[in-house]
Amino acid sequence: MDRVNVLVIGGGVVGCAVARELAARWKDVFLVEGAPYLGAGASTRNSGVIHSGIYYPPGSLKATLCVRGNPLMHEFCAAHGVPHRACGKLVVASSESEMPALEALSANGQTNGVPGLRLVDRARIRALEPNIEAVAALEVPSTGILNAEEVVKAFARHAAERGANLLTRARVTALEPGADAIRARVAIGEPGSAEEESIEARCVINCAGLFADEVAAMIGNTRYRIYPVRGEYCEVAREKADLVRALVYPVPHQAGVTLGVHLTKTTWGGLWVGPTADYIDDKNDYERNRRPVEEFVRSAKAMLPEITAADLRLAHTGIRAKLLPPGAPGTADFVIAPDPGVPRMIQLIGIESPGLTSSLAIAEHVARLAAKIL
């Protein structure tokens, strides 16, 4: 049986960032990921946006860690050759009736400490995005875009260089808390032929994403339930990809569920429309009952009148780890805290957007919590 200081469960962008941060401070850091490769879930199935922090309630972990994580992510990408652009974004009001919500969003962002925000008129919108139709917009210069797969690879590479051991096809099947450690049973290999091994860790960090509630339940913590929400994307035909230069978002109408179908110019020059937001029952249901492209057109056309169904094709999907059930009011914050019943386990639950942006700041926060255990 291996005895280690830290066991990180989950090899998405947050798990890899945590392993990277902790391996710089402690020896014997292990990360296990059940999928065949790192970042296989929501980490690489998203818009790849470096968020600013305008949307989240003041004082929340989402607000604090996003505002901290934004410059950290820009700096990391620049220093380590990860494709990214500090392109800024526009949140657009399609009618005068949306102006109060846009102004409230601006005020919320200012309270959160987001730099450079300003409300702009139609002339400024057209100067930045000539094909976008709107009466006004919130200009958000600190927002950017990155290649999420390359970020995960860079975090994992740094973690390994610092001495962390990263294992894929390694699925935790049981956790057994003890007085001074937690024993994890891990199935290593393909289902049906996997071999079970045990790892005893002084500190276990639950970064299991969509499955974080199931991992928490292994030690008897059933207070959390994750509700999977699928987001679908369309890709715009190459000849129309230059209709948008950077990032264009609508004023969000489903607080806590989605920021709305938006327009994302990727680091490689493509253009995405999405994501949608649909509660689903199966955490692995990426493809059944896909929406028709006509629904994406209806959502995007108010911002980009030139778009048509002929310009779109269905692209990737992702699944978000929501902590609130359908119809629940308000928003849910990140859960990042030692487990109340098993203090040697740090729970990270409900890490949805802005988890990618916040990942380096989350890793710092987790390291402070781990230092009280190790």
Protein backbone atom coordinates (compact mmCIF):
# COMPACT_ATOMS: atom_id res chain seq x y z
CA MET A 1 0.00 0.00 0.00
CA ASP A 2 1.31 3.42 -0.97
CA ARG A 3 1.44 6.03 1.81
CA VAL A 4 1.34 9.62 0.56
CA ASN A 5 0.87 13.11 1.88
CA VAL A 6 -1.85 14.21 -0.55
CA LEU A 7 -4.29 12.37 -2.78
CA VAL A 8 -6.14 14.53 -5.30
CA ILE A 9 -9.23 12.85 -6.74
CA GLY A 10 -10.01 14.19 -10.21
CA GLY A 11 -7.72 15.27 -13.03
CA GLY A 12 -9.59 18.18 -14.54
CA VAL A 13 -8.21 21.69 -14.71
CA VAL A 14 -8.84 22.32 -11.00
CA GLY A 15 -7.39 19.00 -9.88
CA CYS A 16 -4.27 19.53 -12.00
CA ALA A 17 -3.89 23.10 -10.72
CA VAL A 18 -4.21 21.86 -7.12
CA ALA A 19 -1.67 19.07 -7.69
CA ARG A 20 0.72 21.58 -9.25
CA GLU A 21 0.42 23.99 -6.31
CA LEU A 22 0.68 21.35 -3.60
CA ALA A 23 3.61 19.56 -5.23
CA ALA A 24 5.60 22.78 -4.89
CA ARG A 25 5.08 22.60 -1.12
CA TRP A 26 4.91 18.92 -0.17
CA LYS A 27 6.36 15.64 -1.38
CA ASP A 28 4.28 12.59 -2.24
CA VAL A 29 1.38 14.25 -4.03
CA PHE A 30 -0.73 11.78 -6.03
CA LEU A 31 -3.56 12.58 -8.45
CA VAL A 32 -5.96 9.95 -9.77
CA GLU A 33 -8.30 10.41 -12.72
CA GLY A 34 -10.77 7.78 -13.86
CA ALA A 35 -10.82 8.82 -17.51
CA PRO A 36 -8.14 7.78 -20.03
CA TYR A 37 -6.75 11.33 -20.14
CA LEU A 38 -6.68 14.45 -18.00
CA GLY A 39 -9.27 17.18 -18.51
CA ALA A 40 -11.74 14.84 -20.21
CA GLY A 41 -14.84 16.44 -18.66
CA ALA A 42 -16.06 20.00 -18.22
CA SER A 43 -12.50 21.35 -18.13
CA THR A 44 -12.16 21.13 -21.91
CA ARG A 45 -15.84 21.13 -22.89
CA ASN A 46 -16.57 24.82 -22.39
CA SER A 47 -16.12 28.22 -24.01
CA GLY A 48 -12.50 28.62 -22.89
CA VAL A 49 -13.22 32.09 -21.52
CA ILE A 50 -11.03 33.81 -18.93
CA HIS A 51 -13.86 35.43 -16.98
CA SER A 52 -13.61 38.80 -15.25
CA GLY A 53 -15.85 38.33 -12.20
CA ILE A 54 -18.81 40.58 -13.08
CA TYR A 55 -21.58 38.04 -12.53
CA TYR A 56 -21.02 36.63 -9.05
CA PRO A 57 -22.40 37.82 -5.69
CA PRO A 58 -19.96 40.13 -3.85
CA GLY A 59 -17.99 38.31 -1.20
CA SER A 60 -18.67 34.87 -2.67
CA LEU A 61 -15.87 32.44 -3.44
CA LYS A 62 -16.84 32.64 -7.10
CA ALA A 63 -16.33 36.42 -7.11
CA THR A 64 -13.17 36.45 -5.00
CA LEU A 65 -11.42 33.56 -6.74
CA CYS A 66 -12.44 34.66 -10.24
CA VAL A 67 -11.12 38.20 -9.76
CA ARG A 68 -7.91 36.78 -8.29
CA GLY A 69 -7.68 34.02 -10.89
CA ASN A 70 -8.15 36.24 -13.95
CA PRO A 71 -4.71 37.93 -13.89
CA LEU A 72 -3.08 34.71 -12.67
CA MET A 73 -4.42 32.87 -15.71
CA HIS A 74 -3.41 35.62 -18.14
CA GLU A 75 0.09 35.63 -16.65
CA PHE A 76 0.39 31.84 -16.65
CA CYS A 77 -0.66 31.52 -20.28
CA ALA A 78 1.77 34.25 -21.35
CA ALA A 79 4.65 32.76 -19.39
CA HIS A 80 4.16 29.17 -20.53
CA GLY A 81 3.12 29.46 -24.15
CA VAL A 82 -0.54 28.54 -23.73
CA PRO A 83 -2.59 29.97 -26.63
CA HIS A 84 -4.68 32.84 -25.32
CA ARG A 85 -5.86 36.34 -26.15
CA ALA A 86 -6.64 39.25 -23.85
CA CYS A 87 -9.46 40.26 -26.19
CA GLY A 88 -12.06 41.72 -23.83
CA LYS A 89 -15.79 41.19 -24.27
CA LEU A 90 -19.07 43.01 -24.69
CA VAL A 91 -22.24 42.21 -22.75
CA VAL A 92 -24.91 43.69 -24.99
CA ALA A 93 -28.38 45.04 -24.35
CA SER A 94 -30.63 44.31 -27.32
CA SER A 95 -33.31 46.75 -26.17
CA GLU A 96 -33.84 49.62 -23.75
CA SER A 97 -35.73 47.25 -21.44
CA GLU A 98 -32.45 45.44 -20.72
CA MET A 99 -30.61 48.58 -19.61
CA PRO A 100 -31.42 48.29 -15.88
CA ALA A 101 -30.02 44.74 -15.84
CA LEU A 102 -26.92 45.85 -17.73
CA GLU A 103 -26.33 48.73 -15.30
CA ALA A 104 -26.81 46.38 -12.34
CA LEU A 105 -24.27 44.00 -13.85
CA SER A 106 -21.78 46.84 -14.20
CA ALA A 107 -22.32 47.90 -10.59
CA ASN A 108 -21.88 44.31 -9.38
CA GLY A 109 -18.63 43.98 -11.29
CA GLN A 110 -17.31 47.21 -9.84
CA THR A 111 -18.17 46.03 -6.33
CA ASN A 112 -16.22 42.84 -7.04
CA GLY A 113 -13.19 44.85 -8.11
CA VAL A 114 -13.27 44.07 -11.83
CA PRO A 115 -11.05 46.66 -13.55
CA GLY A 116 -11.86 48.85 -16.55
CA LEU A 117 -15.62 48.34 -16.80
CA ARG A 118 -17.58 50.92 -18.76
CA LEU A 119 -21.00 51.23 -20.32
CA VAL A 120 -20.70 52.09 -24.01
CA ASP A 121 -23.06 53.24 -26.76
CA ARG A 122 -23.87 51.90 -30.20
CA ALA A 123 -20.99 53.77 -31.83
CA ARG A 124 -18.42 52.11 -29.57
CA ILE A 125 -20.06 48.71 -30.11
CA ARG A 126 -19.82 49.11 -33.88
CA ALA A 127 -16.17 50.18 -33.59
CA LEU A 128 -15.35 46.99 -31.71
CA GLU A 129 -17.82 44.60 -33.34
CA PRO A 130 -19.17 46.01 -36.64
CA ASN A 131 -21.72 43.21 -37.14
CA ILE A 132 -23.25 43.28 -33.66
CA GLU A 133 -26.63 44.93 -33.13
CA ALA A 134 -27.30 46.44 -29.68
CA VAL A 135 -28.47 49.65 -28.05
CA ALA A 136 -25.69 49.63 -25.45
CA ALA A 137 -23.10 47.30 -23.93
CA LEU A 138 -20.89 46.72 -20.94
CA GLU A 139 -17.28 46.64 -22.11
CA VAL A 140 -15.19 44.21 -20.04
CA PRO A 141 -11.52 44.54 -21.01
CA SER A 142 -10.09 41.97 -18.56
CA THR A 143 -11.98 39.05 -20.13
CA GLY A 144 -9.95 36.80 -22.40
CA ILE A 145 -9.95 33.52 -24.29
CA LEU A 146 -7.64 30.51 -24.02
CA ASN A 147 -7.12 26.96 -25.23
CA ALA A 148 -8.45 24.90 -22.32
CA GLU A 149 -6.80 21.64 -23.36
CA GLU A 150 -3.39 23.30 -23.42
CA VAL A 151 -3.95 24.80 -19.96
CA VAL A 152 -4.71 21.36 -18.51
CA LYS A 153 -1.62 19.91 -20.19
CA ALA A 154 0.56 22.74 -18.86
CA PHE A 155 -0.74 22.36 -15.29
CA ALA A 156 -0.19 18.59 -15.44
CA ARG A 157 3.31 19.00 -16.85
CA HIS A 158 4.28 21.42 -14.09
CA ALA A 159 2.79 19.16 -11.43
CA ALA A 160 4.84 16.22 -12.71
CA GLU A 161 7.99 18.34 -12.91
CA ARG A 162 7.47 19.25 -9.26
CA GLY A 163 7.27 15.58 -8.30
CA ALA A 164 3.55 14.85 -8.36
CA ASN A 165 2.39 11.44 -9.60
CA LEU A 166 -0.56 11.66 -12.00
CA LEU A 167 -2.47 8.47 -12.80
CA THR A 168 -5.20 8.12 -15.42
CA ARG A 169 -7.60 5.19 -15.71
CA ALA A 170 -7.52 5.21 -11.90
CA ARG A 171 -10.96 5.33 -10.29
CA VAL A 172 -11.55 5.67 -6.54
CA THR A 173 -14.05 3.04 -5.41
CA ALA A 174 -14.02 3.53 -1.63
CA LEU A 175 -12.68 5.83 1.07
CA GLU A 176 -12.02 4.68 4.63
CA PRO A 177 -11.23 7.47 7.12
CA GLY A 178 -8.79 6.67 9.93
CA ALA A 179 -7.31 8.56 12.86
CA ASP A 180 -4.35 10.03 10.98
CA ALA A 181 -5.05 9.19 7.34
CA ILE A 182 -7.70 8.22 4.79
CA ARG A 183 -7.36 4.96 2.90
CA ALA A 184 -8.55 5.06 -0.71
CA ARG A 185 -9.24 1.98 -2.77
CA VAL A 186 -8.42 2.66 -6.41
CA ALA A 187 -9.32 0.56 -9.45
CA ILE A 188 -6.49 0.98 -11.96
CA GLY A 189 -7.00 -0.02 -15.58
CA GLU A 190 -9.90 -0.61 -17.93
CA PRO A 191 -13.29 -1.55 -16.44
CA GLY A 192 -13.59 -5.29 -16.25
CA SER A 193 -9.85 -5.85 -16.03
CA ALA A 194 -8.86 -3.22 -13.46
CA GLU A 195 -6.66 -4.11 -10.53
CA GLU A 196 -7.50 -2.65 -7.12
CA GLU A 197 -4.82 -1.00 -5.05
CA SER A 198 -4.86 1.04 -1.85
CA ILE A 199 -3.44 4.48 -1.19
CA GLU A 200 -3.26 5.91 2.33
CA ALA A 201 -3.17 9.71 2.38
CA ARG A 202 -2.80 12.25 5.17
CA CYS A 203 -4.96 14.64 3.14
CA VAL A 204 -7.52 13.84 0.42
CA ILE A 205 -8.79 16.55 -1.90
CA ASN A 206 -12.03 15.94 -3.75
CA CYS A 207 -11.77 17.57 -7.20
CA ALA A 208 -14.06 15.07 -8.91
CA GLY A 209 -16.20 17.63 -10.72
CA LEU A 210 -19.54 16.18 -11.79
CA PHE A 211 -18.93 13.22 -9.50
CA ALA A 212 -17.75 15.17 -6.44
CA ASP A 213 -21.02 14.48 -4.62
CA GLU A 214 -20.54 10.74 -5.13
CA VAL A 215 -16.97 10.91 -3.83
CA ALA A 216 -18.15 12.90 -0.79
CA ALA A 217 -20.78 10.24 -0.14
CA MET A 218 -18.02 7.62 0.16
CA ILE A 219 -17.17 9.06 3.58
CA GLY A 220 -20.83 9.48 4.54
CA ASN A 221 -21.30 13.12 3.49
CA THR A 222 -24.62 13.15 1.63
CA ARG A 223 -25.52 16.80 2.14
CA TYR A 224 -24.54 17.72 -1.43
CA ARG A 225 -26.16 16.73 -4.70
CA ILE A 226 -24.92 17.72 -8.11
CA TYR A 227 -27.50 18.36 -10.83
CA PRO A 228 -25.94 17.93 -14.28
CA VAL A 229 -26.72 20.68 -16.79
CA ARG A 230 -25.75 20.08 -20.40
CA GLY A 231 -24.55 22.93 -22.58
CA GLU A 232 -24.43 22.53 -26.36
CA TYR A 233 -22.45 24.51 -28.91
CA CYS A 234 -22.63 25.18 -32.62
CA GLU A 235 -19.69 26.15 -34.80
CA VAL A 236 -20.08 28.87 -37.41
CA ALA A 237 -18.94 28.09 -40.96
CA ARG A 238 -15.38 29.22 -41.62
CA GLU A 239 -16.39 31.84 -44.17
CA LYS A 240 -18.59 33.52 -41.55
CA ALA A 241 -16.22 33.16 -38.56
CA ASP A 242 -15.00 36.74 -38.88
CA LEU A 243 -18.45 38.17 -38.21
CA VAL A 244 -17.30 38.43 -34.58
CA ARG A 245 -13.85 39.61 -33.48
CA ALA A 246 -13.80 38.62 -29.80
CA LEU A 247 -16.52 37.74 -27.23
CA VAL A 248 -20.13 38.93 -27.25
CA TYR A 249 -22.59 37.98 -24.51
CA PRO A 250 -26.26 38.82 -23.94
CA VAL A 251 -27.56 40.22 -20.69
CA PRO A 252 -28.10 37.02 -18.61
CA HIS A 253 -31.74 36.16 -17.96
CA GLN A 254 -31.43 32.88 -15.99
CA ALA A 255 -29.45 33.89 -12.95
CA GLY A 256 -27.46 31.00 -11.57
CA VAL A 257 -28.17 28.71 -14.53
CA THR A 258 -26.56 30.24 -17.61
CA LEU A 259 -24.93 33.41 -18.86
CA GLY A 260 -26.90 32.98 -22.07
CA VAL A 261 -26.00 31.75 -25.54
CA HIS A 262 -22.99 33.84 -26.51
CA LEU A 263 -20.55 34.30 -29.37
CA THR A 264 -16.98 33.14 -28.78
CA LYS A 265 -14.04 33.71 -31.12
CA THR A 266 -11.59 30.93 -30.38
CA THR A 267 -7.81 31.19 -30.16
CA TRP A 268 -7.55 29.38 -33.52
CA GLY A 269 -9.96 31.72 -35.32
CA GLY A 270 -13.18 29.74 -35.17
CA LEU A 271 -16.51 31.08 -33.93
CA TRP A 272 -18.82 29.24 -31.52
CA VAL A 273 -22.45 29.91 -30.64
CA GLY A 274 -23.53 28.57 -27.25
CA PRO A 275 -23.87 27.10 -24.76
CA THR A 276 -27.46 26.17 -24.07
CA ALA A 277 -28.46 24.99 -20.59
CA ASP A 278 -30.60 21.89 -20.01
CA TYR A 279 -30.92 19.88 -16.81
CA ILE A 280 -30.39 16.19 -17.58
CA ASP A 281 -30.55 12.96 -15.57
CA ASP A 282 -27.37 11.24 -16.77
CA LYS A 283 -23.96 12.75 -15.97
CA ASN A 284 -22.55 11.06 -19.07
CA ASP A 285 -25.27 12.13 -21.51
CA TYR A 286 -23.35 14.34 -23.92
CA GLU A 287 -25.18 13.57 -27.16
CA ARG A 288 -28.77 12.35 -26.84
CA ASN A 289 -31.58 14.66 -27.99
CA ARG A 290 -29.38 17.44 -29.32
CA ARG A 291 -31.07 20.77 -30.04
CA PRO A 292 -31.53 21.76 -33.69
CA VAL A 293 -29.34 24.55 -35.07
CA GLU A 294 -32.44 26.71 -35.54
CA GLU A 295 -32.65 27.20 -31.77
CA PHE A 296 -29.10 28.58 -31.69
CA VAL A 297 -29.98 30.96 -34.52
CA ARG A 298 -32.99 32.29 -32.60
CA SER A 299 -30.82 32.95 -29.56
CA ALA A 300 -27.95 34.59 -31.45
CA LYS A 301 -29.84 36.57 -34.10
CA ALA A 302 -30.78 39.45 -31.79
CA MET A 303 -27.05 40.12 -31.37
CA LEU A 304 -25.82 38.99 -34.79
CA PRO A 305 -28.60 39.57 -37.37
CA GLU A 306 -26.58 38.14 -40.24
CA ILE A 307 -26.40 34.62 -38.78
CA THR A 308 -28.55 31.89 -40.40
CA ALA A 309 -29.12 28.18 -39.84
CA ALA A 310 -27.08 27.42 -42.96
CA ASP A 311 -24.05 28.98 -41.24
CA LEU A 312 -24.09 26.58 -38.27
CA ARG A 313 -23.27 22.98 -37.52
CA LEU A 314 -23.59 21.16 -34.21
CA ALA A 315 -20.31 21.08 -32.29
CA HIS A 316 -19.24 19.89 -28.83
CA THR A 317 -21.21 19.65 -25.60
CA GLY A 318 -20.29 19.98 -21.94
CA ILE A 319 -21.96 19.21 -18.63
CA ARG A 320 -21.88 21.62 -15.69
CA ALA A 321 -21.93 20.57 -12.04
CA LYS A 322 -24.84 22.58 -10.63
CA LEU A 323 -25.66 22.54 -6.93
CA LEU A 324 -29.17 23.93 -7.37
CA PRO A 325 -32.08 21.88 -8.76
CA PRO A 326 -34.27 23.12 -11.62
CA GLY A 327 -36.34 26.15 -10.66
CA ALA A 328 -34.42 26.90 -7.47
CA PRO A 329 -33.97 30.64 -6.89
CA GLY A 330 -30.63 32.39 -6.53
CA THR A 331 -27.16 31.08 -7.19
CA ALA A 332 -24.93 28.51 -5.51
CA ASP A 333 -21.37 29.32 -4.53
CA PHE A 334 -18.36 27.05 -4.79
CA VAL A 335 -17.96 24.67 -1.86
CA ILE A 336 -14.27 24.56 -0.89
CA ALA A 337 -13.82 23.45 2.70
CA PRO A 338 -12.64 20.63 4.96
CA ASP A 339 -15.33 18.03 5.38
CA PRO A 340 -17.14 18.62 8.69
CA GLY A 341 -17.08 14.92 9.55
CA VAL A 342 -13.68 13.99 8.11
CA PRO A 343 -11.40 17.05 8.44
CA ARG A 344 -8.54 15.37 6.55
CA MET A 345 -10.67 15.56 3.40
CA ILE A 346 -11.10 18.86 1.58
CA GLN A 347 -14.28 19.02 -0.47
CA LEU A 348 -14.49 20.97 -3.73
CA ILE A 349 -18.09 20.66 -4.87
CA GLY A 350 -20.10 22.61 -7.43
CA ILE A 351 -16.99 23.85 -9.22
CA GLU A 352 -18.61 25.06 -12.42
CA SER A 353 -17.90 28.34 -14.23
CA PRO A 354 -15.76 30.29 -13.39
CA GLY A 355 -13.77 27.23 -12.29
CA LEU A 356 -11.42 27.35 -15.28
CA THR A 357 -10.61 31.02 -14.73
CA SER A 358 -10.35 30.53 -10.97
CA SER A 359 -8.28 27.34 -11.04
CA LEU A 360 -4.94 28.87 -9.99
CA ALA A 361 -6.63 30.91 -7.25
CA ILE A 362 -8.56 27.84 -6.12
CA ALA A 363 -5.25 25.97 -5.89
CA GLU A 364 -3.82 28.70 -3.66
CA HIS A 365 -6.91 28.55 -1.45
CA VAL A 366 -6.74 24.76 -1.17
CA ALA A 367 -3.05 24.93 -0.29
CA ARG A 368 -3.87 27.18 2.66
CA LEU A 369 -6.47 24.66 3.85
CA ALA A 370 -4.10 21.73 3.32
CA ALA A 371 -1.38 23.45 5.38
CA LYS A 372 -3.65 23.14 8.41
CA ILE A 373 -3.82 19.36 7.89
CA LEU A 374 -0.30 18.40 6.79
